């Protein structure tokens, strides 16, 4: 396996751990998801209540998750599929035996 591919896989694992530890994911685990309640009475006012992580937690999630989807980043799913896919399939097939 090329050194760049190995480094990319290590980066991927580090970013995945960072994503799992971010405030947004921790909030979701603690609160068992987000909620949206919409209510009201006919002819009356509408009430909306949305429970979700705060803005900072959301920004943290987006800034970390982007490393998995931006094509130019070596931690992206697409880059890894192109450069590490063969190695990972070979590793999985050896472990399955």
Protein backbone atom coordinates (compact mmCIF):
# COMPACT_ATOMS: atom_id res chain seq x y z
CA UNK A 1 0.00 0.00 0.00
CA UNK A 2 1.33 3.43 -0.91
CA UNK A 3 2.32 5.73 1.94
CA UNK A 4 -0.18 8.39 0.81
CA UNK A 5 -3.00 5.82 0.95
CA UNK A 6 -1.94 4.65 4.38
CA UNK A 7 -1.83 8.25 5.63
CA UNK A 8 -5.26 8.91 4.10
CA UNK A 9 -6.74 5.92 5.92
CA UNK A 10 -5.21 7.10 9.20
CA UNK A 11 -6.66 10.56 8.58
CA UNK A 12 -10.05 9.00 7.84
CA UNK A 13 -10.02 7.12 11.15
CA UNK A 14 -8.98 10.26 13.04
CA UNK A 15 -11.74 12.32 11.40
CA UNK A 16 -14.32 9.59 12.08
CA UNK A 17 -13.35 9.60 15.76
CA UNK A 18 -13.55 13.40 15.84
CA UNK A 19 -16.99 13.25 14.25
CA UNK A 20 -18.19 10.66 16.78
CA UNK A 21 -16.94 12.87 19.62
CA UNK A 22 -18.35 16.16 18.34
CA UNK A 23 -20.98 18.03 20.33
CA UNK A 24 -23.72 17.40 17.77
CA UNK A 25 -23.39 13.61 17.95
CA UNK A 26 -23.09 13.72 21.74
CA UNK A 27 -26.25 15.84 21.91
CA UNK A 28 -28.11 13.39 19.67
CA UNK A 29 -27.01 10.45 21.81
CA UNK A 30 -28.06 12.20 25.02
CA UNK A 31 -31.39 13.45 23.69
CA UNK A 32 -32.16 10.45 21.47
CA UNK A 33 -32.57 12.59 18.35
CA UNK A 34 -34.22 15.85 17.45
CA UNK A 35 -37.91 16.63 17.77
CA UNK A 36 -40.34 18.83 15.91
CA UNK A 37 -43.81 19.51 17.31
CA UNK A 38 -46.33 21.55 15.36
CA UNK A 39 -49.65 22.37 16.91
CA UNK A 40 -52.46 24.83 17.02
CA UNK A 41 -56.19 25.21 16.92
CA UNK A 42 -58.46 25.90 13.99
CA UNK A 43 -58.59 29.64 13.52
CA UNK A 44 -56.01 30.11 16.28
CA UNK A 45 -52.29 30.54 16.44
CA UNK A 46 -49.80 27.97 15.27
CA UNK A 47 -47.12 26.71 17.66
CA UNK A 48 -43.84 25.18 16.59
CA UNK A 49 -41.29 23.65 18.93
CA UNK A 50 -38.04 22.29 17.54
CA UNK A 51 -35.49 20.65 19.84
CA UNK A 52 -32.04 20.37 18.28
CA UNK A 53 -28.33 20.85 18.98
CA UNK A 54 -27.11 24.44 19.24
CA UNK A 55 -25.52 26.38 16.38
CA UNK A 56 -21.93 25.70 17.49
CA UNK A 57 -22.54 21.94 17.64
CA UNK A 58 -24.11 22.06 14.17
CA UNK A 59 -21.18 24.05 12.75
CA UNK A 60 -18.75 21.57 14.29
CA UNK A 61 -20.59 18.67 12.65
CA UNK A 62 -20.65 20.31 9.22
CA UNK A 63 -17.00 21.37 9.34
CA UNK A 64 -15.90 17.87 10.31
CA UNK A 65 -18.27 15.97 7.99
CA UNK A 66 -17.13 17.95 4.95
CA UNK A 67 -13.80 16.07 5.05
CA UNK A 68 -15.72 12.92 4.09
CA UNK A 69 -17.51 14.41 1.08
CA UNK A 70 -15.14 16.94 -0.52
CA UNK A 71 -13.50 15.14 -3.42
CA UNK A 72 -10.12 16.82 -3.01
CA UNK A 73 -9.67 15.69 0.61
CA UNK A 74 -7.82 12.41 1.08
CA UNK A 75 -10.28 11.49 3.83
CA UNK A 76 -13.24 11.67 1.42
CA UNK A 77 -15.23 8.56 0.59
CA UNK A 78 -14.57 9.08 -3.12
CA UNK A 79 -10.79 9.51 -2.75
CA UNK A 80 -10.52 6.46 -0.51
CA UNK A 81 -12.66 4.34 -2.83
CA UNK A 82 -10.40 5.26 -5.73
CA UNK A 83 -7.05 4.86 -3.94
CA UNK A 84 -7.62 2.43 -1.08
CA UNK A 85 -10.55 0.37 -2.34
CA UNK A 86 -8.41 -2.42 -3.81
CA UNK A 87 -6.32 -2.71 -0.65
CA UNK A 88 -9.38 -2.75 1.60
CA UNK A 89 -11.16 -5.40 -0.48
CA UNK A 90 -8.03 -7.54 -0.42
CA UNK A 91 -7.73 -7.12 3.36
CA UNK A 92 -11.39 -8.00 3.91
CA UNK A 93 -11.20 -11.09 1.71
CA UNK A 94 -8.13 -12.34 3.60
CA UNK A 95 -9.89 -11.94 6.96
CA UNK A 96 -13.00 -13.73 5.69
CA UNK A 97 -11.06 -16.93 5.00
